[in-house]
């Protein structure tokens, strides 16, 4: 066995941990590329897959509740270009000014349910308001671990913000504002 016959084939065989005999060696130095590359074993592909973490029953239940609320919010049918009434505008402005300018999707679903607007309308309102206020100098916010950017006034109200906290504050504000009207 000489290394001059097809050194790349021999290197490929050595890399794939199997010996090459005379019949498996390439007769000419112009070996096609697919014969030169060693094949990756199956365990290389398995290592790249992400392992799903199993959720505890409470986390699974909370995730199902979020999905159900988001599905309920998506079932709200309103015209896409319908203007928000003064009550809805006041509530959206309160969340924007006092709590966050970037509400996560599950908070947008809670707002949609509370204000009877579609989640797309809520998302568009926040996006449009951020664009309108882009030139403003004041943009204080704090980034929480879950990717929620909260204003300092919201952090002074509560250090731990969760979906339940947001839902309680939103329902209290809705009932308070509805009594005023």
N, C-alpha and C. Protein backbone atom coordinates (compact mmCIF):
# COMPACT_ATOMS: atom_id res chain seq x y z
N UNK A 1 0.86 -1.17 0.00
CA UNK A 1 0.00 0.00 0.00
C UNK A 1 0.90 1.23 0.00
N UNK A 2 0.72 2.07 -1.00
CA UNK A 2 1.52 3.28 -1.10
C UNK A 2 0.64 4.49 -0.91
N UNK A 3 1.23 5.55 -0.40
CA UNK A 3 0.49 6.78 -0.17
C UNK A 3 0.32 7.59 -1.45
N UNK A 4 1.01 7.20 -2.50
CA UNK A 4 0.90 7.97 -3.73
C UNK A 4 -0.33 7.62 -4.54
N UNK A 5 -0.97 6.48 -4.28
CA UNK A 5 -2.16 6.10 -5.07
C UNK A 5 -3.29 7.10 -4.88
N UNK A 6 -3.70 7.29 -3.67
CA UNK A 6 -4.77 8.25 -3.39
C UNK A 6 -4.66 8.65 -1.93
N UNK A 7 -3.79 9.60 -1.61
CA UNK A 7 -3.57 9.93 -0.20
C UNK A 7 -4.81 10.51 0.47
N UNK A 8 -5.64 11.23 -0.26
CA UNK A 8 -6.83 11.80 0.35
C UNK A 8 -7.82 10.72 0.75
N UNK A 9 -7.92 9.67 -0.06
CA UNK A 9 -8.82 8.57 0.28
C UNK A 9 -8.33 7.86 1.53
N UNK A 10 -7.03 7.68 1.65
CA UNK A 10 -6.48 7.04 2.84
C UNK A 10 -6.71 7.89 4.08
N UNK A 11 -6.55 9.21 3.93
CA UNK A 11 -6.80 10.09 5.06
C UNK A 11 -8.27 10.06 5.45
N UNK A 12 -9.14 10.01 4.46
CA UNK A 12 -10.57 9.93 4.74
C UNK A 12 -10.91 8.63 5.45
N UNK A 13 -10.29 7.53 5.00
CA UNK A 13 -10.53 6.25 5.66
C UNK A 13 -10.01 6.26 7.09
N UNK A 14 -8.86 6.89 7.29
CA UNK A 14 -8.30 6.95 8.64
C UNK A 14 -9.17 7.82 9.54
N UNK A 15 -9.72 8.88 8.99
CA UNK A 15 -10.57 9.76 9.79
C UNK A 15 -11.89 9.09 10.15
N UNK A 16 -12.36 8.21 9.29
CA UNK A 16 -13.63 7.54 9.58
C UNK A 16 -13.43 6.25 10.36
N UNK A 17 -12.18 5.99 10.80
CA UNK A 17 -11.86 4.85 11.66
C UNK A 17 -12.15 3.50 11.02
N UNK A 18 -11.89 3.39 9.76
CA UNK A 18 -11.94 2.06 9.16
C UNK A 18 -10.82 1.94 8.15
N UNK A 19 -10.29 0.72 8.02
CA UNK A 19 -9.16 0.48 7.12
C UNK A 19 -9.66 0.35 5.70
N UNK A 20 -8.84 0.78 4.79
CA UNK A 20 -9.19 0.61 3.39
C UNK A 20 -8.35 -0.51 2.81
N UNK A 21 -8.97 -1.36 2.06
CA UNK A 21 -8.22 -2.39 1.37
C UNK A 21 -7.98 -1.94 -0.06
N UNK A 22 -7.35 -2.76 -0.85
CA UNK A 22 -6.99 -2.38 -2.21
C UNK A 22 -8.22 -2.11 -3.07
N UNK A 23 -9.34 -2.80 -2.83
CA UNK A 23 -10.52 -2.61 -3.66
C UNK A 23 -11.23 -1.30 -3.36
N UNK A 24 -11.11 -0.79 -2.14
CA UNK A 24 -11.80 0.45 -1.81
C UNK A 24 -10.99 1.68 -2.16
N UNK A 25 -9.70 1.48 -2.48
CA UNK A 25 -8.86 2.62 -2.82
C UNK A 25 -9.20 3.13 -4.21
N UNK A 26 -9.06 4.39 -4.37
CA UNK A 26 -9.36 5.02 -5.65
C UNK A 26 -8.22 4.72 -6.63
N UNK A 27 -8.52 4.27 -7.84
CA UNK A 27 -7.45 3.92 -8.77
C UNK A 27 -6.73 5.15 -9.33
N UNK A 28 -7.38 6.29 -9.36
CA UNK A 28 -6.73 7.46 -9.94
C UNK A 28 -6.70 8.60 -8.92
N UNK A 29 -5.82 9.58 -9.10
CA UNK A 29 -5.77 10.70 -8.16
C UNK A 29 -6.97 11.62 -8.27
N UNK A 30 -7.78 11.53 -9.31
CA UNK A 30 -8.95 12.38 -9.47
C UNK A 30 -10.17 11.74 -8.81
N UNK A 31 -10.14 11.61 -7.52
CA UNK A 31 -11.27 11.02 -6.79
C UNK A 31 -12.39 12.04 -6.71
N UNK A 32 -13.64 11.61 -6.86
CA UNK A 32 -14.74 12.54 -6.66
C UNK A 32 -14.81 12.99 -5.21
N UNK A 33 -15.28 14.21 -4.95
CA UNK A 33 -15.26 14.75 -3.59
C UNK A 33 -16.08 13.95 -2.59
N UNK A 34 -17.17 13.32 -3.04
CA UNK A 34 -17.98 12.59 -2.07
C UNK A 34 -17.27 11.36 -1.54
N UNK A 35 -16.29 10.84 -2.28
CA UNK A 35 -15.53 9.70 -1.79
C UNK A 35 -14.45 10.14 -0.81
N UNK A 36 -14.09 11.41 -0.83
CA UNK A 36 -13.00 11.88 0.00
C UNK A 36 -13.44 12.28 1.40
N UNK A 37 -14.66 12.70 1.52
CA UNK A 37 -15.12 13.19 2.81
C UNK A 37 -15.61 12.03 3.67
N UNK A 38 -15.17 12.01 4.92
CA UNK A 38 -15.72 10.98 5.81
C UNK A 38 -17.16 11.32 6.18
N UNK A 39 -17.95 10.33 6.31
CA UNK A 39 -19.35 10.54 6.70
C UNK A 39 -19.40 10.74 8.21
N UNK A 40 -20.27 11.63 8.61
CA UNK A 40 -20.44 11.86 10.04
C UNK A 40 -21.33 10.77 10.60
N UNK A 41 -20.96 10.30 11.74
CA UNK A 41 -21.77 9.26 12.36
C UNK A 41 -23.05 9.88 12.90
N UNK A 42 -23.99 9.04 13.24
CA UNK A 42 -25.30 9.51 13.69
C UNK A 42 -25.19 10.29 14.99
N UNK A 43 -24.25 9.93 15.84
CA UNK A 43 -24.20 10.61 17.14
C UNK A 43 -23.77 12.06 17.02
N UNK A 44 -23.10 12.44 15.94
CA UNK A 44 -22.76 13.85 15.74
C UNK A 44 -24.02 14.67 15.51
N UNK A 45 -24.96 14.12 14.75
CA UNK A 45 -26.19 14.84 14.47
C UNK A 45 -27.08 14.92 15.71
N UNK A 46 -27.07 13.90 16.53
CA UNK A 46 -27.90 13.89 17.72
C UNK A 46 -27.42 14.94 18.71
N UNK A 47 -26.11 15.15 18.79
CA UNK A 47 -25.56 16.10 19.75
C UNK A 47 -25.97 17.53 19.42
N UNK A 48 -26.27 17.81 18.16
CA UNK A 48 -26.64 19.16 17.78
C UNK A 48 -28.09 19.48 18.08
N UNK A 49 -28.91 18.48 18.27
CA UNK A 49 -30.32 18.72 18.56
C UNK A 49 -30.48 19.32 19.94
N UNK A 50 -31.46 20.17 20.05
CA UNK A 50 -31.73 20.76 21.36
C UNK A 50 -32.65 19.82 22.13
N UNK A 51 -32.32 19.63 23.35
CA UNK A 51 -33.12 18.77 24.19
C UNK A 51 -34.22 19.61 24.82
N UNK A 52 -35.46 19.17 24.66
CA UNK A 52 -36.57 19.90 25.26
C UNK A 52 -36.61 19.61 26.75
N UNK A 53 -36.75 20.67 27.50
CA UNK A 53 -36.86 20.49 28.94
C UNK A 53 -38.31 20.18 29.27
N UNK A 54 -38.48 19.26 30.18
CA UNK A 54 -39.83 18.89 30.58
C UNK A 54 -40.35 19.90 31.59
N UNK A 55 -41.56 20.35 31.36
CA UNK A 55 -42.18 21.32 32.25
C UNK A 55 -42.86 20.61 33.40
N UNK A 56 -42.81 21.22 34.57
CA UNK A 56 -43.55 20.67 35.69
C UNK A 56 -45.03 20.92 35.43
N UNK A 57 -45.92 20.21 36.11
CA UNK A 57 -47.36 20.37 35.84
C UNK A 57 -47.86 21.80 36.02
N UNK A 58 -47.32 22.54 36.99
CA UNK A 58 -47.77 23.92 37.19
C UNK A 58 -47.35 24.81 36.02
N UNK A 59 -46.12 24.63 35.53
CA UNK A 59 -45.67 25.41 34.39
C UNK A 59 -46.47 25.05 33.14
N UNK A 60 -46.76 23.76 32.98
CA UNK A 60 -47.54 23.32 31.83
C UNK A 60 -48.94 23.92 31.89
N UNK A 61 -49.52 23.96 33.09
CA UNK A 61 -50.86 24.54 33.26
C UNK A 61 -50.83 26.04 32.96
N UNK A 62 -49.80 26.74 33.43
CA UNK A 62 -49.69 28.17 33.17
C UNK A 62 -49.52 28.44 31.67
N UNK A 63 -48.75 27.58 31.01
CA UNK A 63 -48.55 27.75 29.57
C UNK A 63 -49.85 27.51 28.81
N UNK A 64 -50.63 26.52 29.25
CA UNK A 64 -51.93 26.26 28.62
C UNK A 64 -52.89 27.42 28.84
N UNK A 65 -52.86 28.03 30.04
CA UNK A 65 -53.71 29.19 30.30
C UNK A 65 -53.34 30.37 29.40
N UNK A 66 -52.03 30.59 29.21
CA UNK A 66 -51.59 31.67 28.33
C UNK A 66 -52.09 31.43 26.91
N UNK A 67 -51.97 30.17 26.45
CA UNK A 67 -52.43 29.86 25.10
C UNK A 67 -53.93 30.05 24.98
N UNK A 68 -54.68 29.66 26.01
CA UNK A 68 -56.14 29.80 25.97
C UNK A 68 -56.54 31.28 25.94
N UNK A 69 -55.87 32.10 26.76
CA UNK A 69 -56.18 33.53 26.77
C UNK A 69 -55.82 34.18 25.44
N UNK A 70 -54.70 33.77 24.87
CA UNK A 70 -54.32 34.32 23.58
C UNK A 70 -55.30 33.89 22.49
N UNK A 71 -55.77 32.64 22.57
CA UNK A 71 -56.77 32.17 21.59
C UNK A 71 -58.08 32.93 21.76
N UNK A 72 -58.48 33.19 23.01
CA UNK A 72 -59.69 33.98 23.24
C UNK A 72 -59.54 35.39 22.68
N UNK A 73 -58.36 35.97 22.88
CA UNK A 73 -58.13 37.32 22.37
C UNK A 73 -58.13 37.34 20.84
N UNK A 74 -57.62 36.28 20.24
CA UNK A 74 -57.59 36.23 18.77
C UNK A 74 -58.99 36.05 18.19
N UNK A 75 -59.92 35.55 18.98
CA UNK A 75 -61.29 35.37 18.51
C UNK A 75 -62.09 36.67 18.51
N UNK A 76 -61.54 37.73 19.06
CA UNK A 76 -62.23 39.02 19.06
C UNK A 76 -62.20 39.57 17.64
N UNK A 77 -63.36 39.83 17.12
CA UNK A 77 -63.47 40.34 15.75
C UNK A 77 -63.86 41.81 15.77
N UNK A 78 -62.93 42.66 15.40
CA UNK A 78 -63.21 44.09 15.26
C UNK A 78 -62.62 44.53 13.93
N UNK A 79 -63.09 45.63 13.44
CA UNK A 79 -62.53 46.17 12.20
C UNK A 79 -61.09 46.59 12.43
N UNK A 80 -60.24 46.28 11.48
CA UNK A 80 -58.82 46.57 11.68
C UNK A 80 -58.52 48.06 11.73
N UNK A 81 -59.34 48.86 11.08
CA UNK A 81 -59.06 50.30 11.07
C UNK A 81 -60.02 51.09 11.97
N UNK A 82 -60.69 50.40 12.88
CA UNK A 82 -61.62 51.12 13.76
C UNK A 82 -60.84 51.88 14.82
N UNK A 83 -61.19 53.12 15.07
CA UNK A 83 -60.47 53.89 16.08
C UNK A 83 -60.85 53.44 17.49
N UNK A 84 -59.91 53.58 18.38
CA UNK A 84 -60.17 53.23 19.77
C UNK A 84 -61.01 54.33 20.42
N UNK A 85 -61.92 53.92 21.30
CA UNK A 85 -62.73 54.93 21.99
C UNK A 85 -61.88 55.57 23.10
N UNK A 86 -62.35 56.65 23.72
CA UNK A 86 -61.54 57.35 24.73
C UNK A 86 -61.14 56.47 25.91
N UNK A 87 -62.03 55.57 26.33
CA UNK A 87 -61.70 54.67 27.43
C UNK A 87 -60.54 53.76 27.04
N UNK A 88 -60.60 53.17 25.85
CA UNK A 88 -59.53 52.28 25.39
C UNK A 88 -58.22 53.04 25.24
N UNK A 89 -58.30 54.25 24.70
CA UNK A 89 -57.10 55.06 24.56
C UNK A 89 -56.47 55.39 25.91
N UNK A 90 -57.32 55.71 26.89
CA UNK A 90 -56.82 56.03 28.22
C UNK A 90 -56.11 54.83 28.83
N UNK A 91 -56.68 53.64 28.66
CA UNK A 91 -56.07 52.43 29.23
C UNK A 91 -54.75 52.10 28.50
N UNK A 92 -54.75 52.20 27.20
CA UNK A 92 -53.52 51.93 26.44
C UNK A 92 -52.44 52.94 26.81
N UNK A 93 -52.81 54.21 26.94
CA UNK A 93 -51.86 55.24 27.31
C UNK A 93 -51.32 55.01 28.72
N UNK A 94 -52.20 54.56 29.63
CA UNK A 94 -51.77 54.28 31.00
C UNK A 94 -50.72 53.16 31.01
N UNK A 95 -50.96 52.10 30.25
CA UNK A 95 -49.99 51.01 30.19
C UNK A 95 -48.70 51.51 29.55
N UNK A 96 -48.81 52.28 28.49
CA UNK A 96 -47.63 52.78 27.79
C UNK A 96 -46.82 53.73 28.68
N UNK A 97 -47.49 54.66 29.35
CA UNK A 97 -46.78 55.65 30.15
C UNK A 97 -46.29 55.12 31.49
N UNK A 98 -47.06 54.23 32.10
CA UNK A 98 -46.76 53.83 33.48
C UNK A 98 -46.08 52.48 33.60
N UNK A 99 -46.34 51.57 32.68
CA UNK A 99 -45.84 50.21 32.88
C UNK A 99 -44.74 49.86 31.87
N UNK A 100 -45.09 49.79 30.60
CA UNK A 100 -44.09 49.39 29.61
C UNK A 100 -44.47 49.88 28.23
N UNK A 101 -43.44 50.13 27.41
CA UNK A 101 -43.70 50.48 26.02
C UNK A 101 -43.57 49.25 25.13
N UNK A 102 -43.08 48.15 25.68
CA UNK A 102 -42.93 46.89 24.95
C UNK A 102 -43.66 45.77 25.67
N UNK A 103 -44.98 45.73 25.65
CA UNK A 103 -45.66 44.63 26.33
C UNK A 103 -45.46 43.32 25.58
N UNK A 104 -45.19 42.24 26.30
CA UNK A 104 -45.06 40.94 25.63
C UNK A 104 -46.40 40.48 25.06
N UNK A 105 -46.36 39.45 24.26
CA UNK A 105 -47.57 38.98 23.58
C UNK A 105 -48.68 38.58 24.55
N UNK A 106 -48.32 37.93 25.65
CA UNK A 106 -49.37 37.52 26.59
C UNK A 106 -50.00 38.73 27.29
N UNK A 107 -49.24 39.80 27.51
CA UNK A 107 -49.83 41.01 28.09
C UNK A 107 -50.69 41.71 27.04
N UNK A 108 -50.28 41.66 25.79
CA UNK A 108 -51.11 42.23 24.73
C UNK A 108 -52.43 41.48 24.63
N UNK A 109 -52.39 40.17 24.83
CA UNK A 109 -53.63 39.39 24.81
C UNK A 109 -54.54 39.79 25.97
N UNK A 110 -53.94 40.02 27.15
CA UNK A 110 -54.74 40.47 28.30
C UNK A 110 -55.35 41.84 28.03
N UNK A 111 -54.58 42.73 27.43
CA UNK A 111 -55.12 44.04 27.07
C UNK A 111 -56.24 43.91 26.05
N UNK A 112 -56.05 43.03 25.09
CA UNK A 112 -57.08 42.83 24.06
C UNK A 112 -58.37 42.32 24.67
N UNK A 113 -58.26 41.39 25.62
CA UNK A 113 -59.46 40.88 26.29
C UNK A 113 -60.12 41.95 27.14
N UNK A 114 -59.31 42.74 27.85
CA UNK A 114 -59.87 43.76 28.73
C UNK A 114 -60.51 44.92 27.98
N UNK A 115 -59.96 45.24 26.81
CA UNK A 115 -60.44 46.41 26.07
C UNK A 115 -61.30 46.03 24.87
N UNK A 116 -61.48 44.75 24.65
CA UNK A 116 -62.23 44.23 23.52
C UNK A 116 -61.70 44.80 22.20
N UNK A 117 -60.41 44.63 22.01
CA UNK A 117 -59.73 44.96 20.76
C UNK A 117 -58.96 43.71 20.34
N UNK A 118 -58.65 43.58 19.09
CA UNK A 118 -57.88 42.42 18.65
C UNK A 118 -56.41 42.61 19.05
N UNK A 119 -55.67 41.51 19.27
CA UNK A 119 -54.26 41.65 19.62
C UNK A 119 -53.44 42.39 18.56
N UNK A 120 -53.85 42.26 17.30
CA UNK A 120 -53.14 42.97 16.23
C UNK A 120 -53.31 44.47 16.39
N UNK A 121 -54.52 44.90 16.77
CA UNK A 121 -54.75 46.33 16.98
C UNK A 121 -53.93 46.85 18.16
N UNK A 122 -53.85 46.05 19.22
CA UNK A 122 -53.05 46.44 20.39
C UNK A 122 -51.58 46.56 19.98
N UNK A 123 -51.08 45.56 19.28
CA UNK A 123 -49.68 45.56 18.84
C UNK A 123 -49.41 46.77 17.95
N UNK A 124 -50.31 47.04 17.01
CA UNK A 124 -50.12 48.18 16.11
C UNK A 124 -50.16 49.51 16.87
N UNK A 125 -51.05 49.61 17.86
CA UNK A 125 -51.13 50.85 18.62
C UNK A 125 -49.81 51.12 19.34
N UNK A 126 -49.25 50.09 19.99
CA UNK A 126 -47.98 50.28 20.70
C UNK A 126 -46.85 50.61 19.71
N UNK A 127 -46.83 49.94 18.59
CA UNK A 127 -45.80 50.22 17.59
C UNK A 127 -45.92 51.65 17.06
N UNK A 128 -47.13 52.06 16.73
CA UNK A 128 -47.33 53.42 16.22
C UNK A 128 -46.98 54.47 17.27
N UNK A 129 -47.34 54.22 18.51
CA UNK A 129 -47.06 55.18 19.58
C UNK A 129 -45.55 55.28 19.82
N UNK A 130 -44.85 54.16 19.76
CA UNK A 130 -43.39 54.22 19.91
C UNK A 130 -42.77 55.03 18.78
N UNK A 131 -43.30 54.87 17.56
CA UNK A 131 -42.76 55.64 16.43
C UNK A 131 -43.06 57.12 16.58
N UNK A 132 -44.26 57.45 17.06
CA UNK A 132 -44.61 58.86 17.26
C UNK A 132 -43.73 59.50 18.32
N UNK A 133 -43.42 58.76 19.36
CA UNK A 133 -42.65 59.31 20.49
C UNK A 133 -41.16 59.04 20.36
N UNK A 134 -40.70 58.68 19.19
CA UNK A 134 -39.30 58.35 19.02
C UNK A 134 -38.38 59.52 19.35
N UNK A 135 -38.81 60.73 19.05
CA UNK A 135 -37.98 61.90 19.28
C UNK A 135 -37.98 62.38 20.72
N UNK A 136 -38.84 61.82 21.57
CA UNK A 136 -38.90 62.27 22.96
C UNK A 136 -37.61 61.93 23.68
N UNK A 137 -37.25 62.80 24.62
CA UNK A 137 -36.01 62.61 25.37
C UNK A 137 -36.18 61.55 26.46
N UNK A 138 -37.37 61.41 27.01
CA UNK A 138 -37.54 60.49 28.13
C UNK A 138 -37.88 59.09 27.62
N UNK A 139 -37.01 58.17 27.93
CA UNK A 139 -37.27 56.78 27.61
C UNK A 139 -36.74 55.90 28.74
N UNK A 140 -37.17 56.15 29.96
CA UNK A 140 -36.66 55.31 31.04
C UNK A 140 -37.35 53.96 31.05
N UNK A 141 -36.56 52.91 31.05
CA UNK A 141 -37.12 51.58 31.21
C UNK A 141 -36.04 50.67 31.77
N UNK A 142 -36.47 49.60 32.35
CA UNK A 142 -35.56 48.62 32.93
C UNK A 142 -35.90 47.28 32.30
N UNK A 143 -34.88 46.54 31.93
CA UNK A 143 -35.09 45.26 31.29
C UNK A 143 -35.17 44.18 32.36
N UNK A 144 -36.28 43.44 32.35
CA UNK A 144 -36.44 42.32 33.27
C UNK A 144 -35.89 41.06 32.62
N UNK A 145 -35.72 40.02 33.37
CA UNK A 145 -35.14 38.78 32.86
C UNK A 145 -35.92 38.15 31.73
N UNK A 146 -37.22 38.35 31.70
CA UNK A 146 -38.04 37.71 30.68
C UNK A 146 -38.11 38.54 29.41
N UNK A 147 -37.32 39.59 29.32
CA UNK A 147 -37.32 40.42 28.14
C UNK A 147 -38.38 41.51 28.16
N UNK A 148 -38.97 41.77 29.31
CA UNK A 148 -39.98 42.81 29.42
C UNK A 148 -39.28 44.08 29.89
N UNK A 149 -39.47 45.15 29.14
CA UNK A 149 -38.87 46.42 29.52
C UNK A 149 -39.91 47.22 30.29
N UNK A 150 -39.63 47.44 31.56
CA UNK A 150 -40.57 48.14 32.44
C UNK A 150 -40.05 49.53 32.78
N UNK A 151 -40.95 50.41 33.00
CA UNK A 151 -40.59 51.76 33.44
C UNK A 151 -40.30 51.74 34.94
N UNK A 152 -39.50 52.70 35.42
CA UNK A 152 -39.20 52.76 36.85
C UNK A 152 -40.44 52.93 37.72
N UNK A 153 -41.45 53.64 37.22
CA UNK A 153 -42.68 53.79 38.00
C UNK A 153 -43.36 52.44 38.20
N UNK A 154 -43.27 51.57 37.23
CA UNK A 154 -43.85 50.23 37.37
C UNK A 154 -43.04 49.40 38.36
N UNK A 155 -41.72 49.57 38.33
CA UNK A 155 -40.88 48.83 39.28
C UNK A 155 -41.07 49.33 40.71
N UNK A 156 -41.37 50.61 40.87
CA UNK A 156 -41.62 51.12 42.22
C UNK A 156 -42.95 50.58 42.76
N UNK A 157 -43.87 50.27 41.87
CA UNK A 157 -45.15 49.71 42.28
C UNK A 157 -45.00 48.26 42.71
N UNK A 158 -44.23 47.50 41.96
CA UNK A 158 -44.03 46.09 42.27
C UNK A 158 -42.69 45.64 41.70
N UNK A 159 -41.92 44.93 42.52
CA UNK A 159 -40.63 44.42 42.05
C UNK A 159 -40.81 43.19 41.18
N UNK A 160 -41.79 42.37 41.50
CA UNK A 160 -42.05 41.14 40.76
C UNK A 160 -43.23 41.34 39.82
N UNK A 161 -42.96 41.43 38.54
CA UNK A 161 -44.02 41.57 37.55
C UNK A 161 -44.24 40.23 36.88
N UNK A 162 -45.46 39.77 36.93
CA UNK A 162 -45.83 38.54 36.25
C UNK A 162 -47.12 38.80 35.49
N UNK A 163 -47.60 37.79 34.82
CA UNK A 163 -48.87 37.93 34.09
C UNK A 163 -50.01 38.21 35.06
N UNK A 164 -49.96 37.55 36.22
CA UNK A 164 -51.02 37.74 37.21
C UNK A 164 -51.01 39.17 37.76
N UNK A 165 -49.81 39.69 38.03
CA UNK A 165 -49.70 41.06 38.54
C UNK A 165 -50.24 42.05 37.51
N UNK A 166 -49.84 41.86 36.26
CA UNK A 166 -50.31 42.75 35.21
C UNK A 166 -51.82 42.64 35.04
N UNK A 167 -52.34 41.43 35.10
CA UNK A 167 -53.79 41.24 34.94
C UNK A 167 -54.57 41.89 36.08
N UNK A 168 -54.06 41.78 37.32
CA UNK A 168 -54.73 42.40 38.46
C UNK A 168 -54.73 43.93 38.33
N UNK A 169 -53.60 44.50 37.97
CA UNK A 169 -53.51 45.95 37.84
C UNK A 169 -54.39 46.43 36.68
N UNK A 170 -54.38 45.69 35.59
CA UNK A 170 -55.21 46.06 34.44
C UNK A 170 -56.69 46.01 34.78
N UNK A 171 -57.12 44.95 35.45
CA UNK A 171 -58.55 44.84 35.80
C UNK A 171 -58.95 45.92 36.80
N UNK A 172 -58.05 46.26 37.74
CA UNK A 172 -58.36 47.33 38.69
C UNK A 172 -58.48 48.67 37.97
N UNK A 173 -57.60 48.93 37.03
CA UNK A 173 -57.67 50.19 36.27
C UNK A 173 -58.91 50.24 35.40
N UNK A 174 -59.28 49.13 34.80
CA UNK A 174 -60.47 49.10 33.95
C UNK A 174 -61.71 49.36 34.77
N UNK A 175 -61.82 48.73 35.94
CA UNK A 175 -63.00 48.96 36.77
C UNK A 175 -63.02 50.39 37.30
N UNK A 176 -61.87 50.92 37.68
CA UNK A 176 -61.81 52.28 38.18
C UNK A 176 -62.20 53.28 37.10
N UNK A 177 -61.68 53.10 35.91
CA UNK A 177 -62.00 54.03 34.82
C UNK A 177 -63.43 53.87 34.33
N UNK A 178 -63.97 52.67 34.40
CA UNK A 178 -65.35 52.47 33.94
C UNK A 178 -66.34 53.10 34.92
N UNK A 179 -66.00 53.15 36.22
CA UNK A 179 -66.87 53.81 37.19
C UNK A 179 -66.87 55.32 37.00
N UNK A 180 -65.76 55.87 36.53
CA UNK A 180 -65.66 57.32 36.34
C UNK A 180 -66.52 57.79 35.18
N UNK A 181 -66.75 56.92 34.21
CA UNK A 181 -67.52 57.33 33.03
C UNK A 181 -68.98 57.24 33.22
